[in-house]
Protein backbone atom coordinates (compact mmCIF):
# COMPACT_ATOMS: atom_id res chain seq x y z
CA MET A 1 -10.05 -32.34 32.71
CA LEU A 2 -9.12 -32.71 29.04
CA LEU A 3 -11.84 -35.29 28.30
CA ARG A 4 -14.63 -32.77 28.79
CA HIS A 5 -13.07 -30.60 26.07
CA VAL A 6 -12.88 -33.41 23.47
CA PRO A 7 -16.12 -32.32 21.69
CA PHE A 8 -14.75 -28.78 21.44
CA LEU A 9 -11.41 -30.02 20.05
CA LYS A 10 -13.27 -32.18 17.51
CA ALA A 11 -15.16 -29.07 16.40
CA VAL A 12 -11.86 -27.17 16.03
CA PHE A 13 -10.38 -30.04 14.01
CA LEU A 14 -13.34 -30.10 11.63
CA TYR A 15 -13.28 -26.31 11.43
CA SER A 16 -9.59 -26.41 10.44
CA PHE A 17 -10.48 -28.45 7.34
CA THR A 18 -13.44 -26.30 6.25
CA ALA A 19 -12.40 -22.71 7.11
CA PHE A 20 -11.65 -21.19 3.71
CA GLY A 21 -11.36 -17.54 2.71
CA GLY A 22 -8.74 -16.14 5.07
CA PRO A 23 -9.56 -14.31 8.33
CA GLN A 24 -12.65 -12.64 6.84
CA GLY A 25 -14.19 -15.94 5.76
CA HIS A 26 -13.11 -17.59 9.02
CA MET A 27 -15.22 -15.12 10.99
CA GLY A 28 -18.44 -16.30 9.39
CA MET A 29 -17.51 -19.91 10.07
CA MET A 30 -16.75 -19.10 13.72
CA VAL A 31 -20.14 -17.43 14.16
CA ARG A 32 -21.90 -20.51 12.80
CA THR A 33 -19.75 -23.15 14.54
CA PHE A 34 -18.81 -21.76 17.95
CA ALA A 35 -21.54 -19.17 18.62
CA GLN A 36 -24.70 -20.49 17.00
CA LYS A 37 -24.23 -24.26 17.02
CA ARG A 38 -22.00 -25.05 20.01
CA LYS A 39 -22.69 -21.99 22.20
CA ASP A 40 -19.05 -21.84 23.31
CA ILE A 41 -19.23 -18.06 23.06
CA THR A 42 -21.84 -15.40 22.40
CA GLU A 43 -21.79 -13.43 19.18
CA ASP A 44 -21.05 -10.24 21.14
CA GLU A 45 -18.07 -11.88 22.84
CA LEU A 46 -16.82 -13.18 19.51
CA LEU A 47 -16.99 -9.70 18.03
CA GLU A 48 -15.16 -8.29 21.04
CA TYR A 49 -12.43 -10.96 20.82
CA ASN A 50 -11.97 -10.33 17.11
CA ALA A 51 -11.69 -6.58 17.68
CA PHE A 52 -9.01 -7.14 20.34
CA CYS A 53 -7.04 -9.48 18.05
CA GLN A 54 -7.14 -6.92 15.22
CA MET A 55 -5.01 -4.68 17.44
CA LEU A 56 -2.27 -7.30 17.79
CA PRO A 57 0.39 -8.40 15.32
CA GLY A 58 0.01 -11.85 13.82
CA PRO A 59 -2.89 -13.99 12.51
CA SER A 60 -6.11 -12.52 13.94
CA SER A 61 -8.39 -15.49 13.20
CA THR A 62 -5.92 -17.87 14.88
CA GLN A 63 -5.78 -15.64 17.96
CA THR A 64 -9.60 -15.44 18.06
CA VAL A 65 -9.94 -19.23 18.04
CA MET A 66 -7.37 -19.41 20.85
CA LEU A 67 -9.36 -16.92 22.95
CA ILE A 68 -12.48 -19.07 22.55
CA ALA A 69 -10.42 -22.00 23.87
CA MET A 70 -9.01 -19.87 26.73
CA LYS A 71 -12.54 -19.04 27.83
CA ARG A 72 -13.31 -22.77 28.07
CA GLY A 73 -10.09 -24.22 29.46
CA GLY A 74 -7.38 -21.61 29.95
CA VAL A 75 -3.92 -21.46 28.39
CA PRO A 76 -3.35 -25.27 28.08
CA LEU A 77 -6.51 -25.72 25.99
CA ALA A 78 -5.60 -22.64 23.91
CA ILE A 79 -2.20 -24.13 23.04
CA LEU A 80 -3.76 -27.49 22.09
CA THR A 81 -6.35 -25.66 19.99
CA LEU A 82 -3.58 -23.73 18.22
CA LEU A 83 -1.80 -26.97 17.28
CA ILE A 84 -4.98 -28.60 15.97
CA TRP A 85 -6.00 -25.48 14.03
CA VAL A 86 -2.61 -24.90 12.39
CA PHE A 87 -1.54 -28.48 11.63
CA PRO A 88 -3.69 -29.33 8.54
CA ALA A 89 -2.82 -26.15 6.61
CA ALA A 90 0.84 -26.24 7.64
CA PHE A 91 1.11 -29.90 6.63
CA ILE A 92 -0.44 -29.26 3.20
CA MET A 93 1.77 -26.24 2.52
CA GLY A 94 4.86 -28.07 3.78
CA LEU A 95 4.06 -30.95 1.42
CA LEU A 96 3.76 -28.44 -1.41
CA SER A 97 7.36 -27.36 -0.77
CA PHE A 98 8.45 -30.89 -1.74
CA LEU A 99 6.42 -30.82 -4.94
CA VAL A 100 6.83 -27.25 -6.14
CA LEU A 101 10.23 -27.74 -7.79
CA ASN A 102 8.53 -30.09 -10.24
CA PHE A 103 5.46 -27.92 -10.71
CA ASP A 104 4.71 -25.85 -13.76
CA THR A 105 5.00 -22.52 -11.97
CA GLY A 106 3.04 -20.86 -14.73
CA ALA A 107 0.01 -21.74 -12.62
CA ALA A 108 1.05 -18.95 -10.26
CA HIS A 109 0.39 -16.48 -13.07
CA GLY A 110 -3.09 -17.80 -13.73
CA SER A 111 -2.31 -19.81 -16.86
CA LYS A 112 -4.18 -22.77 -15.35
CA ALA A 113 -6.26 -23.40 -12.23
CA PRO A 114 -4.57 -25.46 -9.51
CA LEU A 115 -7.69 -27.59 -8.98
CA ASN A 116 -11.21 -27.29 -10.36
CA LEU A 117 -12.32 -28.55 -6.97
CA PHE A 118 -11.94 -25.00 -5.60
CA SER A 119 -13.86 -23.19 -8.35
CA TYR A 120 -16.63 -21.95 -6.02
CA ILE A 121 -14.67 -21.64 -2.78
CA LEU A 122 -13.81 -17.93 -3.09
CA PRO A 123 -17.40 -16.75 -3.74
CA MET A 124 -18.58 -19.13 -1.01
CA SER A 125 -16.14 -17.44 1.38
CA VAL A 126 -17.60 -14.05 0.46
CA GLY A 127 -21.02 -15.40 1.44
CA PHE A 128 -19.59 -16.34 4.84
CA VAL A 129 -18.13 -12.85 5.23
CA PHE A 130 -21.45 -11.10 4.59
CA PHE A 131 -23.23 -13.54 6.89
CA ALA A 132 -20.82 -12.66 9.70
CA GLY A 133 -21.33 -8.95 9.04
CA VAL A 134 -25.13 -9.17 9.11
CA ARG A 135 -25.23 -11.30 12.26
CA MET A 136 -22.87 -9.01 14.15
CA MET A 137 -24.54 -5.83 12.94
CA ARG A 138 -27.75 -6.88 14.71
CA GLY A 139 -26.06 -6.83 18.10
CA SER A 140 -23.54 -4.03 17.66
CA VAL A 141 -25.17 -1.32 15.53
CA LYS A 142 -28.12 -0.05 17.55
CA TYR A 143 -27.82 3.74 17.41
CA VAL A 144 -27.28 6.46 14.83
CA ALA A 145 -23.72 6.99 16.11
CA THR A 146 -22.73 3.34 15.79
CA ALA A 147 -24.31 3.16 12.33
CA ALA A 148 -22.24 6.18 11.27
CA ILE A 149 -19.08 4.55 12.68
CA MET A 150 -19.85 1.33 10.79
CA ILE A 151 -20.40 3.15 7.48
CA GLY A 152 -17.33 5.35 7.94
CA SER A 153 -15.16 2.31 8.73
CA LEU A 154 -16.54 0.48 5.70
CA VAL A 155 -15.66 3.37 3.37
CA ALA A 156 -12.20 3.87 4.89
CA ALA A 157 -11.34 0.16 4.72
CA LEU A 158 -12.46 0.07 1.08
CA PHE A 159 -10.36 2.96 -0.15
CA ILE A 160 -7.31 3.04 2.16
CA GLN A 161 -5.00 0.15 1.32
CA SER A 162 -2.68 -0.05 4.31
CA PRO A 163 -2.14 -2.67 7.04
CA TRP A 164 -2.37 0.16 9.57
CA VAL A 165 -5.88 1.19 8.57
CA ILE A 166 -7.59 -1.40 10.80
CA PRO A 167 -5.79 -0.52 14.08
CA SER A 168 -6.28 3.17 13.25
CA LEU A 169 -10.03 2.75 12.63
CA LEU A 170 -10.47 0.85 15.89
CA LEU A 171 -8.63 3.55 17.84
CA ILE A 172 -10.63 6.40 16.22
CA SER A 173 -13.97 4.58 16.66
CA GLY A 174 -13.28 3.88 20.33
CA THR A 175 -12.45 7.55 20.88
CA ILE A 176 -15.66 8.71 19.19
CA SER A 177 -17.91 6.41 21.24
CA ASN A 178 -16.40 7.79 24.45
CA PHE A 179 -18.28 11.07 23.95
CA SER A 180 -21.37 9.28 25.27
CA ASN A 181 -21.70 9.21 29.06
CA ASN A 182 -24.78 7.00 29.42
CA ARG A 183 -23.12 3.57 29.77
CA ILE A 184 -21.40 2.49 32.98
CA PRO A 185 -19.65 -0.89 33.22
CA THR A 186 -20.32 -3.43 35.93
CA PRO A 187 -17.39 -3.56 38.38
CA LEU A 188 -14.89 -6.39 38.00
CA GLU A 189 -15.18 -8.70 41.02
CA LYS A 190 -11.71 -10.25 40.76
CA PRO A 191 -8.97 -8.77 38.54
CA LYS A 192 -7.27 -11.18 36.14
CA ARG A 193 -3.72 -12.17 37.09
CA ILE A 194 -1.05 -10.78 34.76
CA ASN A 195 1.61 -13.35 33.83
CA TRP A 196 4.74 -11.39 32.96
CA THR A 197 6.56 -14.59 32.00
CA HIS A 198 5.01 -14.50 28.54
CA LEU A 199 6.34 -10.99 27.85
CA TRP A 200 9.83 -11.78 29.14
CA LEU A 201 9.88 -14.99 27.09
CA PHE A 202 8.80 -13.06 23.98
CA GLY A 203 11.68 -10.60 24.39
CA LEU A 204 14.25 -13.23 25.33
CA ILE A 205 13.48 -15.37 22.27
CA PHE A 206 13.66 -12.28 20.04
CA ILE A 207 17.16 -11.44 21.33
CA VAL A 208 18.50 -15.02 21.31
CA ALA A 209 17.14 -15.63 17.79
CA GLY A 210 18.89 -12.48 16.54
CA VAL A 211 22.20 -13.42 18.14
CA LEU A 212 22.13 -16.99 16.79
CA SER A 213 21.19 -15.72 13.33
CA GLU A 214 24.24 -13.45 13.31
CA LEU A 215 26.54 -16.22 14.58
CA ALA A 216 25.18 -18.56 11.90
CA ARG A 217 26.71 -16.34 9.22
CA ASN A 218 29.95 -18.22 9.96
CA PRO A 219 30.59 -20.48 6.92
CA GLN A 220 31.56 -23.30 9.27
CA TRP A 221 27.94 -23.57 10.42
CA GLN A 222 26.93 -25.97 7.63
CA HIS A 223 23.20 -25.79 8.37
CA GLY A 224 23.20 -22.32 9.92
CA ARG A 225 20.39 -21.23 7.60
CA ILE A 226 17.87 -22.85 9.96
CA PHE A 227 18.71 -20.13 12.52
CA HIS A 228 18.19 -17.44 9.88
CA ILE A 229 14.77 -18.91 9.05
CA PHE A 230 13.69 -18.96 12.70
CA GLU A 231 14.82 -15.36 13.25
CA ASN A 232 13.18 -14.12 10.05
CA PHE A 233 9.79 -15.67 10.73
CA TYR A 234 9.81 -14.84 14.45
CA ARG A 235 10.44 -11.21 13.46
CA PHE A 236 7.67 -11.33 10.83
CA GLY A 237 5.21 -12.75 13.38
CA SER A 238 6.14 -9.99 15.83
CA ILE A 239 5.58 -7.00 13.56
CA VAL A 240 3.11 -7.91 10.80
CA PHE A 241 -0.34 -6.30 10.96
CA GLY A 242 -3.10 -6.88 8.44
CA GLY A 243 -3.14 -10.68 8.26
CA GLY A 244 -1.36 -13.11 6.00
CA GLN A 245 -1.54 -10.86 2.94
CA ALA A 246 0.75 -8.36 4.69
CA LEU A 247 3.45 -11.06 4.77
CA MET A 248 3.83 -10.91 0.99
CA PRO A 249 6.03 -7.77 0.73
CA MET A 250 8.18 -8.95 3.66
CA LEU A 251 8.77 -12.36 2.09
CA LEU A 252 9.41 -10.79 -1.31
CA TYR A 253 12.13 -8.53 0.08
CA GLN A 254 13.69 -11.11 2.41
CA TYR A 255 13.83 -14.14 0.11
CA VAL A 256 13.50 -12.92 -3.50
CA ASN A 257 14.98 -9.41 -3.80
CA ASN A 258 17.61 -9.62 -1.06
CA VAL A 259 20.95 -10.59 -2.63
CA HIS A 260 22.24 -11.86 0.75
CA SER A 261 19.36 -14.32 1.29
CA HIS A 262 18.05 -15.10 -2.19
CA LEU A 263 16.36 -18.43 -1.42
CA LEU A 264 13.30 -18.31 -3.71
CA THR A 265 12.32 -17.25 -7.19
CA ALA A 266 9.37 -14.92 -7.65
CA ASP A 267 7.47 -17.76 -9.33
CA GLN A 268 7.95 -20.03 -6.32
CA LEU A 269 6.73 -17.33 -3.94
CA LEU A 270 3.68 -16.57 -6.08
CA THR A 271 2.88 -20.27 -6.40
CA GLY A 272 2.84 -20.59 -2.61
CA PHE A 273 0.58 -17.57 -2.18
CA GLY A 274 -1.72 -18.82 -4.92
CA MET A 275 -2.06 -22.25 -3.37
CA VAL A 276 -2.57 -21.06 0.22
CA GLN A 277 -5.74 -19.28 -0.95
CA ALA A 278 -7.20 -22.69 -1.79
CA VAL A 279 -6.15 -24.31 1.51
CA PRO A 280 -8.38 -24.17 4.61
CA GLY A 281 -6.89 -22.68 7.75
CA PRO A 282 -4.60 -19.72 8.46
CA VAL A 283 -2.94 -17.89 5.57
CA PHE A 284 0.20 -17.76 7.74
CA SER A 285 0.64 -21.47 6.92
CA VAL A 286 2.41 -20.29 3.75
CA CYS A 287 5.44 -19.95 6.03
CA SER A 288 5.70 -23.76 6.23
CA TYR A 289 6.10 -23.79 2.44
CA ILE A 290 8.72 -21.02 2.47
CA GLY A 291 10.68 -22.62 5.29
CA GLY A 292 10.72 -25.97 3.51
CA LEU A 293 11.96 -24.47 0.25
CA GLY A 294 14.63 -22.53 2.13
CA MET A 295 16.16 -25.76 3.51
CA SER A 296 15.47 -28.01 0.50
CA GLN A 297 19.09 -28.06 -0.71
CA TYR A 298 20.19 -29.89 2.47
CA GLY A 299 17.97 -32.93 1.96
CA PRO A 300 14.47 -34.11 2.97
CA MET A 301 15.03 -34.19 6.74
CA TRP A 302 16.35 -30.63 6.81
CA GLN A 303 13.49 -29.58 4.54
CA ILE A 304 11.00 -30.98 7.06
CA ALA A 305 12.92 -29.15 9.80
CA GLY A 306 12.59 -25.93 7.78
CA CYS A 307 8.79 -26.39 7.50
CA ILE A 308 8.43 -26.97 11.24
CA THR A 309 10.84 -24.19 12.25
CA ALA A 310 9.17 -21.52 10.11
CA THR A 311 5.68 -22.52 11.29
CA ILE A 312 6.60 -22.44 14.98
CA ALA A 313 8.53 -19.19 14.60
CA VAL A 314 5.74 -17.23 12.88
CA PHE A 315 2.96 -18.28 15.31
CA LEU A 316 4.99 -18.15 18.53
CA PRO A 317 5.35 -14.35 19.07
CA SER A 318 1.67 -13.54 18.54
CA THR A 319 0.75 -16.39 20.91
CA LEU A 320 3.01 -15.08 23.69
CA LEU A 321 1.71 -11.52 23.23
CA LEU A 322 -1.88 -12.77 23.30
CA PHE A 323 -1.37 -14.62 26.60
CA PHE A 324 0.25 -11.55 28.15
CA LEU A 325 -2.05 -8.81 26.85
CA PHE A 326 -5.49 -10.42 27.06
CA PRO A 327 -5.68 -10.48 30.90
CA ILE A 328 -4.65 -6.81 30.88
CA TYR A 329 -7.42 -6.09 28.39
CA GLU A 330 -9.93 -8.01 30.53
CA ASN A 331 -9.06 -5.80 33.50
CA LEU A 332 -9.04 -2.55 31.53
CA LYS A 333 -12.35 -3.09 29.76
CA HIS A 334 -14.19 -2.64 33.07
CA HIS A 335 -12.92 0.93 33.26
CA VAL A 336 -15.40 3.46 31.92
CA ILE A 337 -13.21 4.73 29.05
CA ILE A 338 -12.44 1.25 27.68
CA PHE A 339 -16.01 0.05 28.24
CA ARG A 340 -17.48 2.90 26.21
CA ALA A 341 -14.80 2.49 23.55
CA LEU A 342 -15.87 -1.10 22.90
CA GLU A 343 -19.22 0.03 21.47
CA GLY A 344 -17.50 2.09 18.77
CA ILE A 345 -14.82 -0.56 18.18
CA ASN A 346 -17.41 -3.30 17.64
CA ALA A 347 -19.33 -1.14 15.17
CA ALA A 348 -16.08 -0.45 13.30
CA VAL A 349 -15.31 -4.17 13.09
CA VAL A 350 -18.69 -4.76 11.46
CA GLY A 351 -17.90 -2.11 8.84
CA ILE A 352 -14.46 -3.66 8.25
CA ILE A 353 -16.05 -7.10 7.77
CA PHE A 354 -18.45 -5.73 5.14
CA ALA A 355 -15.58 -3.93 3.40
CA SER A 356 -13.55 -7.16 3.34
CA GLY A 357 -16.44 -8.95 1.68
CA MET A 358 -16.73 -6.24 -0.98
CA VAL A 359 -12.99 -6.28 -1.68
CA LEU A 360 -12.97 -10.07 -1.99
CA PHE A 361 -15.99 -10.04 -4.29
CA LYS A 362 -14.47 -7.34 -6.50
CA ALA A 363 -11.39 -9.53 -6.94
CA ILE A 364 -13.48 -12.42 -8.32
CA ALA A 365 -16.32 -10.52 -10.00
CA PHE A 366 -14.79 -10.35 -13.48
CA ASP A 367 -13.16 -12.96 -15.68
CA LYS A 368 -10.07 -12.47 -17.84
CA SER A 369 -12.13 -10.77 -20.58
CA LEU A 370 -13.52 -8.33 -17.94
CA SER A 371 -17.02 -9.81 -18.25
CA PHE A 372 -19.05 -9.95 -15.05
CA GLU A 373 -19.13 -13.45 -13.55
CA TRP A 374 -22.79 -13.89 -12.61
CA SER A 375 -22.14 -17.39 -11.31
CA ASN A 376 -19.98 -16.00 -8.52
CA LEU A 377 -22.77 -13.64 -7.42
CA VAL A 378 -25.20 -16.56 -7.38
CA VAL A 379 -22.82 -18.59 -5.20
CA VAL A 380 -22.49 -15.68 -2.75
CA ILE A 381 -26.27 -15.25 -2.48
CA ILE A 382 -26.99 -18.97 -2.10
CA THR A 383 -24.29 -19.37 0.57
CA PHE A 384 -25.59 -16.38 2.53
CA CYS A 385 -29.18 -17.65 2.37
CA MET A 386 -28.20 -21.16 3.50
CA LEU A 387 -26.33 -19.72 6.48
CA ASN A 388 -28.95 -17.14 7.42
CA PHE A 389 -32.19 -19.03 6.81
CA THR A 390 -31.37 -22.73 7.30
CA ARG A 391 -29.69 -24.93 9.89
CA ILE A 392 -27.37 -26.63 7.42
CA PRO A 393 -23.98 -27.09 9.16
CA ALA A 394 -21.22 -24.90 7.71
CA PRO A 395 -18.90 -27.86 6.89
CA LEU A 396 -21.63 -29.42 4.72
CA ILE A 397 -21.99 -26.15 2.81
CA VAL A 398 -18.23 -26.14 2.12
CA ILE A 399 -18.25 -29.78 1.01
CA GLY A 400 -21.24 -29.14 -1.24
CA TRP A 401 -19.50 -26.33 -3.14
CA LEU A 402 -16.30 -28.40 -3.40
CA LEU A 403 -18.20 -31.31 -4.95
CA LEU A 404 -20.14 -29.01 -7.29
CA GLY A 405 -16.91 -27.41 -8.51
CA TRP A 406 -15.38 -30.84 -9.11
CA SER A 407 -18.42 -32.19 -10.97
CA LEU A 408 -19.12 -29.23 -13.26
CA HIS A 409 -15.56 -28.58 -14.54
């Protein structure tokens, strides 16, 4: 059974090494790799999956990739896909935790670039974002109402800086599209089975992790910090909305400003967040770096344990919630209210994707002297055109920009 999924797993593995730009950039890569090239999923389904994952805590792009795998091979393939997708980024960031104590942390403040190799990766990622938006707009924005929802969501996502803005926009957009009574869903032939084990396991781990973390405050627990790290990251993965960037204030409070668990300096935290932007894969992989630094004083083996513990803890809760809630969603979406809501939700997601591209481009549009960087705009346009008008595989586009950055600097 697994052998027939080997080509898909190979595609996920290659994708994990070329998916730059955070969840917004990942979406464009998913459209090109899994919808256009491999036909694992339609673009409409991908948009629907992404909208559902935006409503959940945790890493939305990771959850979306897992849903693609669930469609092909169920929960076992989804778990294997998760491991393949997370491993490269987590390994790189865990390795960084061994090196960072010897780094010149001034790089975190922009005094020098980590690697010239990544000079064009951010504008390239913006090109992927706009490509995803344009492709999905063709299938999801067909009426005046959906166009208005898309534009309104774009404006709101641009000017309201809050991790709650995305769930709120999806809820409002779904409510608005319910005022239409023309669309009736096809009946669901066989309801999806709800596995309550995943929800009970989510709650049980949450409670046990909290109890062990409290018990580990006993000074006689020499390596009790590992229990604190698991509890901290499991809690973060359970409540964080807005992607990896929303982790920053939580990590800052927990490990830099908190006098009871002061494990990192601000420079070390900023260095990790600076480097994870240049690493392909999920932004949540920064937790491997934090976990490793948190256990570094106990020796290399405990530092490796810290990397693994933090990575498992931060991805585990969102995975359990995904497995529990998605079958419920599959059943509910065949009800009239949910079915009509999806049209507005999908249009809102398109607007949010465009807003993400604009925010990312604004962040890289000007250099330190506040002069407009025309080269970045050129990279965005060229990337978009290659994706939209040619059949060049997405990984080759990424490699091309990496090599150009390395050769010209």
